[in-house]
Amino acid sequence: MNRSLDQQLQDTQALFAEIWQALSASLRAAGIEQELAVAGTPHTRGELREDVYDHSQALYAEWRSPGGGYQGSILVHADGLAFAEFDVLLAHPRQPNWVIEAVTAWGRSGAVKSELRLLPALGA
């Protein structure tokens, strides 16, 4: 059964809310009190993508800055498994030798996990 893009976006709003909460919790745990600028905002672009293996439809939503720069995305597979990735690009407030490149989340409704993706700071 193929559902329309609009219907799938509507059906995933609760999962998106869980993802925003998990991403924010990871940032707060690292000492970053500011929220992601795009948290809870409408996506910039959305589409249905066909999985080449099982031909199911996955929902892809993407956020971009007003200038068109990539900020992050959420991919929700037909079985409900989701993966999200949003750029952060801030110095880690508690670990000066690291930069927070992005924050990621994955899982299903009711079981979303999140973590930071770190890079070594230049000159560290």
PDB file of N, CA and C in Angstrom:
ATOM      1  N   MET A   1       0.842  -1.178   0.000  1.00  0.00           N
ATOM      2  CA  MET A   1       0.000   0.000   0.000  1.00  0.00           C
ATOM      3  C   MET A   1       0.891   1.246   0.000  1.00  0.00           C
ATOM      4  N   ASN A   2       0.762   2.070  -0.992  1.00  0.00           N
ATOM      5  CA  ASN A   2       1.517   3.316  -1.077  1.00  0.00           C
ATOM      6  C   ASN A   2       0.654   4.459  -0.571  1.00  0.00           C
ATOM      7  N   ARG A   3       1.151   5.109   0.458  1.00  0.00           N
ATOM      8  CA  ARG A   3       0.454   6.269   0.979  1.00  0.00           C
ATOM      9  C   ARG A   3       1.114   7.510   0.406  1.00  0.00           C
ATOM     10  N   SER A   4       0.367   8.561   0.309  1.00  0.00           N
ATOM     11  CA  SER A   4       0.906   9.802  -0.247  1.00  0.00           C
ATOM     12  C   SER A   4       1.935  10.398   0.698  1.00  0.00           C
ATOM     13  N   LEU A   5       2.765  11.252   0.141  1.00  0.00           N
ATOM     14  CA  LEU A   5       3.778  11.951   0.923  1.00  0.00           C
ATOM     15  C   LEU A   5       3.121  12.734   2.061  1.00  0.00           C
ATOM     16  N   ASP A   6       2.071  13.480   1.756  1.00  0.00           N
ATOM     17  CA  ASP A   6       1.399  14.277   2.792  1.00  0.00           C
ATOM     18  C   ASP A   6       0.870  13.398   3.918  1.00  0.00           C
ATOM     19  N   GLN A   7       0.292  12.250   3.583  1.00  0.00           N
ATOM     20  CA  GLN A   7      -0.244  11.347   4.603  1.00  0.00           C
ATOM     21  C   GLN A   7       0.887  10.785   5.467  1.00  0.00           C
ATOM     22  N   GLN A   8       2.002  10.395   4.850  1.00  0.00           N
ATOM     23  CA  GLN A   8       3.118   9.865   5.625  1.00  0.00           C
ATOM     24  C   GLN A   8       3.725  10.936   6.520  1.00  0.00           C
ATOM     25  N   LEU A   9       3.835  12.169   6.032  1.00  0.00           N
ATOM     26  CA  LEU A   9       4.332  13.252   6.872  1.00  0.00           C
ATOM     27  C   LEU A   9       3.415  13.472   8.069  1.00  0.00           C
ATOM     28  N   GLN A  10       2.124  13.439   7.833  1.00  0.00           N
ATOM     29  CA  GLN A  10       1.150  13.583   8.922  1.00  0.00           C
ATOM     30  C   GLN A  10       1.301  12.443   9.929  1.00  0.00           C
ATOM     31  N   ASP A  11       1.453  11.227   9.440  1.00  0.00           N
ATOM     32  CA  ASP A  11       1.539  10.049  10.306  1.00  0.00           C
ATOM     33  C   ASP A  11       2.821  10.001  11.137  1.00  0.00           C
ATOM     34  N   THR A  12       3.850  10.704  10.716  1.00  0.00           N
ATOM     35  CA  THR A  12       5.134  10.639  11.417  1.00  0.00           C
ATOM     36  C   THR A  12       5.376  11.826  12.351  1.00  0.00           C
ATOM     37  N   GLN A  13       4.422  12.706  12.516  1.00  0.00           N
ATOM     38  CA  GLN A  13       4.637  13.891  13.355  1.00  0.00           C
ATOM     39  C   GLN A  13       4.985  13.533  14.800  1.00  0.00           C
ATOM     40  N   ALA A  14       4.357  12.511  15.363  1.00  0.00           N
ATOM     41  CA  ALA A  14       4.681  12.106  16.744  1.00  0.00           C
ATOM     42  C   ALA A  14       6.113  11.569  16.813  1.00  0.00           C
ATOM     43  N   LEU A  15       6.522  10.801  15.809  1.00  0.00           N
ATOM     44  CA  LEU A  15       7.897  10.293  15.763  1.00  0.00           C
ATOM     45  C   LEU A  15       8.879  11.443  15.598  1.00  0.00           C
ATOM     46  N   PHE A  16       8.573  12.398  14.746  1.00  0.00           N
ATOM     47  CA  PHE A  16       9.439  13.571  14.594  1.00  0.00           C
ATOM     48  C   PHE A  16       9.600  14.283  15.941  1.00  0.00           C
ATOM     49  N   ALA A  17       8.513  14.419  16.696  1.00  0.00           N
ATOM     50  CA  ALA A  17       8.585  15.074  18.006  1.00  0.00           C
ATOM     51  C   ALA A  17       9.514  14.305  18.943  1.00  0.00           C
ATOM     52  N   GLU A  18       9.444  12.981  18.924  1.00  0.00           N
ATOM     53  CA  GLU A  18      10.358  12.170  19.739  1.00  0.00           C
ATOM     54  C   GLU A  18      11.811  12.373  19.310  1.00  0.00           C
ATOM     55  N   ILE A  19      12.025  12.464  18.010  1.00  0.00           N
ATOM     56  CA  ILE A  19      13.382  12.681  17.490  1.00  0.00           C
ATOM     57  C   ILE A  19      13.912  14.032  17.958  1.00  0.00           C
ATOM     58  N   TRP A  20      13.093  15.091  17.861  1.00  0.00           N
ATOM     59  CA  TRP A  20      13.525  16.417  18.320  1.00  0.00           C
ATOM     60  C   TRP A  20      13.918  16.362  19.792  1.00  0.00           C
ATOM     61  N   GLN A  21      13.114  15.663  20.608  1.00  0.00           N
ATOM     62  CA  GLN A  21      13.411  15.553  22.038  1.00  0.00           C
ATOM     63  C   GLN A  21      14.726  14.820  22.280  1.00  0.00           C
ATOM     64  N   ALA A  22      14.954  13.733  21.552  1.00  0.00           N
ATOM     65  CA  ALA A  22      16.193  12.968  21.721  1.00  0.00           C
ATOM     66  C   ALA A  22      17.408  13.789  21.298  1.00  0.00           C
ATOM     67  N   LEU A  23      17.300  14.500  20.189  1.00  0.00           N
ATOM     68  CA  LEU A  23      18.409  15.345  19.734  1.00  0.00           C
ATOM     69  C   LEU A  23      18.715  16.431  20.758  1.00  0.00           C
ATOM     70  N   SER A  24      17.675  17.071  21.264  1.00  0.00           N
ATOM     71  CA  SER A  24      17.855  18.131  22.261  1.00  0.00           C
ATOM     72  C   SER A  24      18.470  17.580  23.545  1.00  0.00           C
ATOM     73  N   ALA A  25      18.060  16.391  23.957  1.00  0.00           N
ATOM     74  CA  ALA A  25      18.609  15.780  25.175  1.00  0.00           C
ATOM     75  C   ALA A  25      20.101  15.514  25.024  1.00  0.00           C
ATOM     76  N   SER A  26      20.535  15.072  23.853  1.00  0.00           N
ATOM     77  CA  SER A  26      21.968  14.843  23.618  1.00  0.00           C
ATOM     78  C   SER A  26      22.751  16.141  23.698  1.00  0.00           C
ATOM     79  N   LEU A  27      22.195  17.199  23.139  1.00  0.00           N
ATOM     80  CA  LEU A  27      22.870  18.493  23.194  1.00  0.00           C
ATOM     81  C   LEU A  27      22.947  19.012  24.629  1.00  0.00           C
ATOM     82  N   ARG A  28      21.848  18.909  25.371  1.00  0.00           N
ATOM     83  CA  ARG A  28      21.844  19.357  26.769  1.00  0.00           C
ATOM     84  C   ARG A  28      22.828  18.559  27.612  1.00  0.00           C
ATOM     85  N   ALA A  29      22.918  17.260  27.379  1.00  0.00           N
ATOM     86  CA  ALA A  29      23.843  16.417  28.134  1.00  0.00           C
ATOM     87  C   ALA A  29      25.291  16.842  27.905  1.00  0.00           C
ATOM     88  N   ALA A  30      25.574  17.406  26.738  1.00  0.00           N
ATOM     89  CA  ALA A  30      26.925  17.875  26.427  1.00  0.00           C
ATOM     90  C   ALA A  30      27.169  19.291  26.955  1.00  0.00           C
ATOM     91  N   GLY A  31      26.133  19.931  27.477  1.00  0.00           N
ATOM     92  CA  GLY A  31      26.287  21.280  27.998  1.00  0.00           C
ATOM     93  C   GLY A  31      25.850  22.370  27.050  1.00  0.00           C
ATOM     94  N   ILE A  32      25.139  22.010  25.996  1.00  0.00           N
ATOM     95  CA  ILE A  32      24.639  22.998  25.027  1.00  0.00           C
ATOM     96  C   ILE A  32      23.160  23.214  25.313  1.00  0.00           C
ATOM     97  N   GLU A  33      22.824  24.400  25.754  1.00  0.00           N
ATOM     98  CA  GLU A  33      21.448  24.699  26.142  1.00  0.00           C
ATOM     99  C   GLU A  33      20.586  25.172  24.979  1.00  0.00           C
ATOM    100  N   GLN A  34      21.192  25.645  23.908  1.00  0.00           N
ATOM    101  CA  GLN A  34      20.398  26.114  22.773  1.00  0.00           C
ATOM    102  C   GLN A  34      19.814  24.923  22.021  1.00  0.00           C
ATOM    103  N   GLU A  35      18.613  25.106  21.516  1.00  0.00           N
ATOM    104  CA  GLU A  35      17.948  24.086  20.715  1.00  0.00           C
ATOM    105  C   GLU A  35      18.464  24.149  19.276  1.00  0.00           C
ATOM    106  N   LEU A  36      18.270  23.081  18.551  1.00  0.00           N
ATOM    107  CA  LEU A  36      18.533  23.137  17.113  1.00  0.00           C
ATOM    108  C   LEU A  36      17.599  24.179  16.511  1.00  0.00           C
ATOM    109  N   ALA A  37      18.118  24.990  15.635  1.00  0.00           N
ATOM    110  CA  ALA A  37      17.318  26.065  15.042  1.00  0.00           C
ATOM    111  C   ALA A  37      16.094  25.525  14.308  1.00  0.00           C
ATOM    112  N   VAL A  38      16.179  24.328  13.770  1.00  0.00           N
ATOM    113  CA  VAL A  38      15.088  23.781  12.973  1.00  0.00           C
ATOM    114  C   VAL A  38      14.136  22.888  13.767  1.00  0.00           C
ATOM    115  N   ALA A  39      14.429  22.644  15.037  1.00  0.00           N
ATOM    116  CA  ALA A  39      13.613  21.726  15.846  1.00  0.00           C
ATOM    117  C   ALA A  39      12.148  22.152  15.828  1.00  0.00           C
ATOM    118  N   GLY A  40      11.306  21.230  15.400  1.00  0.00           N
ATOM    119  CA  GLY A  40       9.872  21.471  15.375  1.00  0.00           C
ATOM    120  C   GLY A  40       9.369  22.307  14.216  1.00  0.00           C
ATOM    121  N   THR A  41      10.255  22.724  13.329  1.00  0.00           N
ATOM    122  CA  THR A  41       9.827  23.538  12.192  1.00  0.00           C
ATOM    123  C   THR A  41       9.460  22.641  11.008  1.00  0.00           C
ATOM    124  N   PRO A  42       8.671  23.148  10.088  1.00  0.00           N
ATOM    125  CA  PRO A  42       8.354  22.355   8.894  1.00  0.00           C
ATOM    126  C   PRO A  42       9.614  22.080   8.069  1.00  0.00           C
ATOM    127  N   HIS A  43       9.635  20.931   7.445  1.00  0.00           N
ATOM    128  CA  HIS A  43      10.765  20.570   6.592  1.00  0.00           C
ATOM    129  C   HIS A  43      10.796  21.467   5.361  1.00  0.00           C
ATOM    130  N   THR A  44      11.969  21.567   4.753  1.00  0.00           N
ATOM    131  CA  THR A  44      12.140  22.355   3.542  1.00  0.00           C
ATOM    132  C   THR A  44      11.745  21.544   2.315  1.00  0.00           C
ATOM    133  N   ARG A  45      12.067  20.249   2.363  1.00  0.00           N
ATOM    134  CA  ARG A  45      11.799  19.374   1.226  1.00  0.00           C
ATOM    135  C   ARG A  45      11.468  17.996   1.757  1.00  0.00           C
ATOM    136  N   GLY A  46      10.513  17.333   1.139  1.00  0.00           N
ATOM    137  CA  GLY A  46      10.172  15.970   1.508  1.00  0.00           C
ATOM    138  C   GLY A  46       9.926  15.144   0.266  1.00  0.00           C
ATOM    139  N   GLU A  47      10.198  13.855   0.395  1.00  0.00           N
ATOM    140  CA  GLU A  47       9.945  12.960  -0.736  1.00  0.00           C
ATOM    141  C   GLU A  47       9.833  11.530  -0.243  1.00  0.00           C
ATOM    142  N   LEU A  48       9.240  10.702  -1.074  1.00  0.00           N
ATOM    143  CA  LEU A  48       9.212   9.267  -0.818  1.00  0.00           C
ATOM    144  C   LEU A  48      10.325   8.640  -1.643  1.00  0.00           C
ATOM    145  N   ARG A  49      11.082   7.770  -0.994  1.00  0.00           N
ATOM    146  CA  ARG A  49      12.188   7.092  -1.676  1.00  0.00           C
ATOM    147  C   ARG A  49      11.942   5.594  -1.653  1.00  0.00           C
ATOM    148  N   GLU A  50      12.177   4.964  -2.797  1.00  0.00           N
ATOM    149  CA  GLU A  50      11.988   3.517  -2.874  1.00  0.00           C
ATOM    150  C   GLU A  50      13.258   2.802  -2.424  1.00  0.00           C
ATOM    151  N   ASP A  51      13.076   1.840  -1.519  1.00  0.00           N
ATOM    152  CA  ASP A  51      14.186   0.995  -1.082  1.00  0.00           C
ATOM    153  C   ASP A  51      14.490   0.013  -2.215  1.00  0.00           C
ATOM    154  N   VAL A  52      15.730   0.000  -2.684  1.00  0.00           N
ATOM    155  CA  VAL A  52      16.074  -0.855  -3.824  1.00  0.00           C
ATOM    156  C   VAL A  52      16.011  -2.339  -3.468  1.00  0.00           C
ATOM    157  N   TYR A  53      16.102  -2.671  -2.195  1.00  0.00           N
ATOM    158  CA  TYR A  53      16.083  -4.081  -1.798  1.00  0.00           C
ATOM    159  C   TYR A  53      14.668  -4.636  -1.739  1.00  0.00           C
ATOM    160  N   ASP A  54      13.786  -3.982  -0.966  1.00  0.00           N
ATOM    161  CA  ASP A  54      12.441  -4.550  -0.798  1.00  0.00           C
ATOM    162  C   ASP A  54      11.341  -3.719  -1.468  1.00  0.00           C
ATOM    163  N   HIS A  55      11.717  -2.636  -2.134  1.00  0.00           N
ATOM    164  CA  HIS A  55      10.801  -1.764  -2.883  1.00  0.00           C
ATOM    165  C   HIS A  55       9.767  -1.068  -1.994  1.00  0.00           C
ATOM    166  N   SER A  56      10.004  -1.025  -0.710  1.00  0.00           N
ATOM    167  CA  SER A  56       9.107  -0.278   0.178  1.00  0.00           C
ATOM    168  C   SER A  56       9.401   1.214   0.031  1.00  0.00           C
ATOM    169  N   GLN A  57       8.493   2.024   0.533  1.00  0.00           N
ATOM    170  CA  GLN A  57       8.636   3.473   0.461  1.00  0.00           C
ATOM    171  C   GLN A  57       9.161   4.006   1.789  1.00  0.00           C
ATOM    172  N   ALA A  58      10.211   4.787   1.732  1.00  0.00           N
ATOM    173  CA  ALA A  58      10.745   5.470   2.910  1.00  0.00           C
ATOM    174  C   ALA A  58      10.454   6.958   2.774  1.00  0.00           C
ATOM    175  N   LEU A  59      10.161   7.587   3.894  1.00  0.00           N
ATOM    176  CA  LEU A  59       9.899   9.020   3.918  1.00  0.00           C
ATOM    177  C   LEU A  59      11.197   9.745   4.221  1.00  0.00           C
ATOM    178  N   TYR A  60      11.542  10.715   3.391  1.00  0.00           N
ATOM    179  CA  TYR A  60      12.730  11.533   3.590  1.00  0.00           C
ATOM    180  C   TYR A  60      12.291  12.976   3.728  1.00  0.00           C
ATOM    181  N   ALA A  61      12.706  13.617   4.825  1.00  0.00           N
ATOM    182  CA  ALA A  61      12.423  15.038   5.034  1.00  0.00           C
ATOM    183  C   ALA A  61      13.749  15.736   5.299  1.00  0.00           C
ATOM    184  N   GLU A  62      13.905  16.906   4.711  1.00  0.00           N
ATOM    185  CA  GLU A  62      15.181  17.623   4.786  1.00  0.00           C
ATOM    186  C   GLU A  62      14.931  19.069   5.205  1.00  0.00           C
ATOM    187  N   TRP A  63      15.871  19.607   5.983  1.00  0.00           N
ATOM    188  CA  TRP A  63      15.820  20.999   6.416  1.00  0.00           C
ATOM    189  C   TRP A  63      17.021  21.722   5.830  1.00  0.00           C
ATOM    190  N   ARG A  64      16.777  22.911   5.275  1.00  0.00           N
ATOM    191  CA  ARG A  64      17.828  23.750   4.708  1.00  0.00           C
ATOM    192  C   ARG A  64      17.681  25.167   5.239  1.00  0.00           C
ATOM    193  N   SER A  65      18.787  25.882   5.261  1.00  0.00           N
ATOM    194  CA  SER A  65      18.781  27.288   5.696  1.00  0.00           C
ATOM    195  C   SER A  65      18.127  28.136   4.604  1.00  0.00           C
ATOM    196  N   PRO A  66      17.766  29.389   4.929  1.00  0.00           N
ATOM    197  CA  PRO A  66      17.207  30.264   3.892  1.00  0.00           C
ATOM    198  C   PRO A  66      18.124  30.409   2.676  1.00  0.00           C
ATOM    199  N   GLY A  67      19.441  30.301   2.882  1.00  0.00           N
ATOM    200  CA  GLY A  67      20.384  30.370   1.769  1.00  0.00           C
ATOM    201  C   GLY A  67      20.561  29.053   1.032  1.00  0.00           C
ATOM    202  N   GLY A  68      19.877  27.999   1.478  1.00  0.00           N
ATOM    203  CA  GLY A  68      19.933  26.707   0.800  1.00  0.00           C
ATOM    204  C   GLY A  68      20.927  25.721   1.382  1.00  0.00           C
ATOM    205  N   GLY A  69      21.633  26.094   2.451  1.00  0.00           N
ATOM    206  CA  GLY A  69      22.602  25.186   3.059  1.00  0.00           C
ATOM    207  C   GLY A  69      21.926  24.052   3.815  1.00  0.00           C
ATOM    208  N   TYR A  70      22.470  22.856   3.669  1.00  0.00           N
ATOM    209  CA  TYR A  70      21.934  21.668   4.345  1.00  0.00           C
ATOM    210  C   TYR A  70      22.063  21.828   5.859  1.00  0.00           C
ATOM    211  N   GLN A  71      20.961  21.566   6.578  1.00  0.00           N
ATOM    212  CA  GLN A  71      20.979  21.607   8.034  1.00  0.00           C
ATOM    213  C   GLN A  71      20.762  20.234   8.647  1.00  0.00           C
ATOM    214  N   GLY A  72      19.996  19.390   7.969  1.00  0.00           N
ATOM    215  CA  GLY A  72      19.772  18.050   8.499  1.00  0.00           C
ATOM    216  C   GLY A  72      18.620  17.362   7.808  1.00  0.00           C
ATOM    217  N   SER A  73      18.408  16.099   8.207  1.00  0.00           N
ATOM    218  CA  SER A  73      17.350  15.310   7.576  1.00  0.00           C
ATOM    219  C   SER A  73      16.876  14.204   8.509  1.00  0.00           C
ATOM    220  N   ILE A  74      15.689  13.712   8.204  1.00  0.00           N
ATOM    221  CA  ILE A  74      15.121  12.542   8.877  1.00  0.00           C
ATOM    222  C   ILE A  74      14.668  11.581   7.790  1.00  0.00           C
ATOM    223  N   LEU A  75      15.033  10.313   7.954  1.00  0.00           N
ATOM    224  CA  LEU A  75      14.602   9.244   7.050  1.00  0.00           C
ATOM    225  C   LEU A  75      13.813   8.240   7.879  1.00  0.00           C
ATOM    226  N   VAL A  76      12.577   7.956   7.456  1.00  0.00           N
ATOM    227  CA  VAL A  76      11.729   6.993   8.156  1.00  0.00           C
ATOM    228  C   VAL A  76      11.401   5.870   7.183  1.00  0.00           C
ATOM    229  N   HIS A  77      11.886   4.674   7.494  1.00  0.00           N
ATOM    230  CA  HIS A  77      11.633   3.502   6.655  1.00  0.00           C
ATOM    231  C   HIS A  77      10.203   3.010   6.848  1.00  0.00           C
ATOM    232  N   ALA A  78       9.731   2.207   5.920  1.00  0.00           N
ATOM    233  CA  ALA A  78       8.358   1.704   5.950  1.00  0.00           C
ATOM    234  C   ALA A  78       8.059   0.919   7.227  1.00  0.00           C
ATOM    235  N   ASP A  79       9.072   0.289   7.817  1.00  0.00           N
ATOM    236  CA  ASP A  79       8.852  -0.484   9.046  1.00  0.00           C
ATOM    237  C   ASP A  79       8.884   0.383  10.303  1.00  0.00           C
ATOM    238  N   GLY A  80       9.022   1.711  10.134  1.00  0.00           N
ATOM    239  CA  GLY A  80       9.005   2.628  11.261  1.00  0.00           C
ATOM    240  C   GLY A  80      10.367   2.983  11.818  1.00  0.00           C
ATOM    241  N   LEU A  81      11.425   2.334  11.340  1.00  0.00           N
ATOM    242  CA  LEU A  81      12.772   2.654  11.797  1.00  0.00           C
ATOM    243  C   LEU A  81      13.183   3.998  11.212  1.00  0.00           C
ATOM    244  N   ALA A  82      13.705   4.879  12.066  1.00  0.00           N
ATOM    245  CA  ALA A  82      14.056   6.230  11.634  1.00  0.00           C
ATOM    246  C   ALA A  82      15.524   6.518  11.903  1.00  0.00           C
ATOM    247  N   PHE A  83      16.088   7.419  11.095  1.00  0.00           N
ATOM    248  CA  PHE A  83      17.433   7.930  11.301  1.00  0.00           C
ATOM    249  C   PHE A  83      17.396   9.420  11.026  1.00  0.00           C
ATOM    250  N   ALA A  84      17.975  10.201  11.938  1.00  0.00           N
ATOM    251  CA  ALA A  84      18.028  11.648  11.782  1.00  0.00           C
ATOM    252  C   ALA A  84      19.450  12.122  11.997  1.00  0.00           C
ATOM    253  N   GLU A  85      19.800  13.182  11.294  1.00  0.00           N
ATOM    254  CA  GLU A  85      21.135  13.765  11.405  1.00  0.00           C
ATOM    255  C   GLU A  85      21.013  15.260  11.174  1.00  0.00           C
ATOM    256  N   PHE A  86      21.536  16.043  12.130  1.00  0.00           N
ATOM    257  CA  PHE A  86      21.492  17.499  12.005  1.00  0.00           C
ATOM    258  C   PHE A  86      22.844  18.077  12.341  1.00  0.00           C
ATOM    259  N   ASP A  87      23.302  19.002  11.505  1.00  0.00           N
ATOM    260  CA  ASP A  87      24.592  19.661  11.716  1.00  0.00           C
ATOM    261  C   ASP A  87      24.547  20.535  12.964  1.00  0.00           C
ATOM    262  N   VAL A  88      25.653  20.558  13.706  1.00  0.00           N
ATOM    263  CA  VAL A  88      25.780  21.402  14.890  1.00  0.00           C
ATOM    264  C   VAL A  88      26.967  22.356  14.713  1.00  0.00           C
ATOM    265  N   LEU A  89      28.149  21.803  14.460  1.00  0.00           N
ATOM    266  CA  LEU A  89      29.373  22.569  14.216  1.00  0.00           C
ATOM    267  C   LEU A  89      29.671  23.596  15.305  1.00  0.00           C
ATOM    268  N   LEU A  90      29.823  23.094  16.531  1.00  0.00           N
ATOM    269  CA  LEU A  90      30.182  23.920  17.677  1.00  0.00           C
ATOM    270  C   LEU A  90      31.325  23.261  18.433  1.00  0.00           C
ATOM    271  N   ALA A  91      32.141  24.078  19.074  1.00  0.00           N
ATOM    272  CA  ALA A  91      33.158  23.531  19.970  1.00  0.00           C
ATOM    273  C   ALA A  91      32.450  22.824  21.126  1.00  0.00           C
ATOM    274  N   HIS A  92      32.958  21.673  21.528  1.00  0.00           N
ATOM    275  CA  HIS A  92      32.359  20.957  22.653  1.00  0.00           C
ATOM    276  C   HIS A  92      32.618  21.772  23.914  1.00  0.00           C
ATOM    277  N   PRO A  93      31.576  22.139  24.666  1.00  0.00           N
ATOM    278  CA  PRO A  93      31.773  23.013  25.820  1.00  0.00           C
ATOM    279  C   PRO A  93      32.516  22.364  26.990  1.00  0.00           C
ATOM    280  N   ARG A  94      32.556  21.044  27.040  1.00  0.00           N
ATOM    281  CA  ARG A  94      33.212  20.355  28.161  1.00  0.00           C
ATOM    282  C   ARG A  94      34.475  19.616  27.772  1.00  0.00           C
ATOM    283  N   GLN A  95      34.689  19.469  26.488  1.00  0.00           N
ATOM    284  CA  GLN A  95      35.865  18.738  26.000  1.00  0.00           C
ATOM    285  C   GLN A  95      36.539  19.588  24.923  1.00  0.00           C
ATOM    286  N   PRO A  96      37.489  20.438  25.310  1.00  0.00           N
ATOM    287  CA  PRO A  96      38.051  21.418  24.368  1.00  0.00           C
ATOM    288  C   PRO A  96      38.804  20.813  23.193  1.00  0.00           C
ATOM    289  N   ASN A  97      39.154  19.565  23.247  1.00  0.00           N
ATOM    290  CA  ASN A  97      39.856  18.930  22.128  1.00  0.00           C
ATOM    291  C   ASN A  97      38.897  18.392  21.064  1.00  0.00           C
ATOM    292  N   TRP A  98      37.591  18.633  21.250  1.00  0.00           N
ATOM    293  CA  TRP A  98      36.601  18.086  20.327  1.00  0.00           C
ATOM    294  C   TRP A  98      35.653  19.165  19.829  1.00  0.00           C
ATOM    295  N   VAL A  99      35.148  18.937  18.609  1.00  0.00           N
ATOM    296  CA  VAL A  99      34.119  19.771  17.990  1.00  0.00           C
ATOM    297  C   VAL A  99      32.908  18.872  17.760  1.00  0.00           C
ATOM    298  N   ILE A 100      31.730  19.392  18.047  1.00  0.00           N
ATOM    299  CA  ILE A 100      30.504  18.642  17.763  1.00  0.00           C
ATOM    300  C   ILE A 100      30.125  18.918  16.318  1.00  0.00           C
ATOM    301  N   GLU A 101      30.311  17.908  15.482  1.00  0.00           N
ATOM    302  CA  GLU A 101      29.981  18.052  14.062  1.00  0.00           C
ATOM    303  C   GLU A 101      28.470  17.987  13.844  1.00  0.00           C
ATOM    304  N   ALA A 102      27.838  16.995  14.480  1.00  0.00           N
ATOM    305  CA  ALA A 102      26.410  16.767  14.257  1.00  0.00           C
ATOM    306  C   ALA A 102      25.816  16.043  15.454  1.00  0.00           C
ATOM    307  N   VAL A 103      24.505  15.994  15.480  1.00  0.00           N
ATOM    308  CA  VAL A 103      23.778  15.187  16.447  1.00  0.00           C
ATOM    309  C   VAL A 103      22.894  14.244  15.631  1.00  0.00           C
ATOM    310  N   THR A 104      22.877  12.973  16.026  1.00  0.00           N
ATOM    311  CA  THR A 104      22.116  11.971  15.289  1.00  0.00           C
ATOM    312  C   THR A 104      21.123  11.288  16.217  1.00  0.00           C
ATOM    313  N   ALA A 105      20.077  10.744  15.629  1.00  0.00           N
ATOM    314  CA  ALA A 105      19.093   9.963  16.377  1.00  0.00           C
ATOM    315  C   ALA A 105      18.654   8.800  15.500  1.00  0.00           C
ATOM    316  N   TRP A 106      18.256   7.716  16.144  1.00  0.00           N
ATOM    317  CA  TRP A 106      17.797   6.543  15.410  1.00  0.00           C
ATOM    318  C   TRP A 106      16.860   5.742  16.298  1.00  0.00           C
ATOM    319  N   GLY A 107      16.038   4.931  15.685  1.00  0.00           N
ATOM    320  CA  GLY A 107      15.139   4.052  16.431  1.00  0.00           C
ATOM    321  C   GLY A 107      13.725   4.117  15.906  1.00  0.00           C
ATOM    322  N   ARG A 108      12.824   3.604  16.734  1.00  0.00           N
ATOM    323  CA  ARG A 108      11.398   3.571  16.415  1.00  0.00           C
ATOM    324  C   ARG A 108      10.643   4.360  17.476  1.00  0.00           C
ATOM    325  N   SER A 109       9.409   4.648  17.200  1.00  0.00           N
ATOM    326  CA  SER A 109       8.583   5.361  18.166  1.00  0.00           C
ATOM    327  C   SER A 109       8.623   4.645  19.511  1.00  0.00           C
ATOM    328  N   GLY A 110       8.902   5.403  20.552  1.00  0.00           N
ATOM    329  CA  GLY A 110       9.003   4.828  21.886  1.00  0.00           C
ATOM    330  C   GLY A 110      10.386   4.344  22.247  1.00  0.00           C
ATOM    331  N   ALA A 111      11.294   4.320  21.284  1.00  0.00           N
ATOM    332  CA  ALA A 111      12.663   3.829  21.529  1.00  0.00           C
ATOM    333  C   ALA A 111      13.652   4.567  20.638  1.00  0.00           C
ATOM    334  N   VAL A 112      13.712   5.884  20.777  1.00  0.00           N
ATOM    335  CA  VAL A 112      14.626   6.698  19.976  1.00  0.00           C
ATOM    336  C   VAL A 112      15.871   6.993  20.800  1.00  0.00           C
ATOM    337  N   LYS A 113      17.022   6.720  20.244  1.00  0.00           N
ATOM    338  CA  LYS A 113      18.321   6.986  20.872  1.00  0.00           C
ATOM    339  C   LYS A 113      18.999   8.116  20.114  1.00  0.00           C
ATOM    340  N   SER A 114      19.949   8.773  20.771  1.00  0.00           N
ATOM    341  CA  SER A 114      20.645   9.878  20.133  1.00  0.00           C
ATOM    342  C   SER A 114      22.063   9.980  20.659  1.00  0.00           C
ATOM    343  N   GLU A 115      22.951  10.504  19.818  1.00  0.00           N
ATOM    344  CA  GLU A 115      24.327  10.759  20.243  1.00  0.00           C
ATOM    345  C   GLU A 115      24.928  11.872  19.392  1.00  0.00           C
ATOM    346  N   LEU A 116      26.034  12.397  19.880  1.00  0.00           N
ATOM    347  CA  LEU A 116      26.766  13.427  19.153  1.00  0.00           C
ATOM    348  C   LEU A 116      27.797  12.772  18.256  1.00  0.00           C
ATOM    349  N   ARG A 117      28.076  13.402  17.123  1.00  0.00           N
ATOM    350  CA  ARG A 117      29.198  12.975  16.283  1.00  0.00           C
ATOM    351  C   ARG A 117      30.293  14.019  16.457  1.00  0.00           C
ATOM    352  N   LEU A 118      31.428  13.578  16.977  1.00  0.00           N
ATOM    353  CA  LEU A 118      32.523  14.478  17.320  1.00  0.00           C
ATOM    354  C   LEU A 118      33.677  14.363  16.340  1.00  0.00           C
ATOM    355  N   LEU A 119      34.403  15.471  16.192  1.00  0.00           N
ATOM    356  CA  LEU A 119      35.618  15.529  15.402  1.00  0.00           C
ATOM    357  C   LEU A 119      36.706  16.136  16.270  1.00  0.00           C
ATOM    358  N   PRO A 120      37.963  15.740  16.070  1.00  0.00           N
ATOM    359  CA  PRO A 120      39.036  16.399  16.823  1.00  0.00           C
ATOM    360  C   PRO A 120      39.120  17.874  16.427  1.00  0.00           C
ATOM    361  N   ALA A 121      39.331  18.725  17.413  1.00  0.00           N
ATOM    362  CA  ALA A 121      39.485  20.150  17.165  1.00  0.00           C
ATOM    363  C   ALA A 121      40.829  20.397  16.463  1.00  0.00           C
ATOM    364  N   LEU A 122      40.866  21.384  15.590  1.00  0.00           N
ATOM    365  CA  LEU A 122      42.120  21.714  14.922  1.00  0.00           C
ATOM    366  C   LEU A 122      43.130  22.174  15.953  1.00  0.00           C
ATOM    367  N   GLY A 123      44.336  21.708  15.815  1.00  0.00           N
ATOM    368  CA  GLY A 123      45.406  22.083  16.723  1.00  0.00           C
ATOM    369  C   GLY A 123      45.364  21.354  18.042  1.00  0.00           C
ATOM    370  N   ALA A 124      44.438  20.415  18.182  1.00  0.00           N
ATOM    371  CA  ALA A 124      44.338  19.671  19.449  1.00  0.00           C
ATOM    372  C   ALA A 124      45.353  18.552  19.518  1.00  0.00           C
TER     373      ALA A 124
END
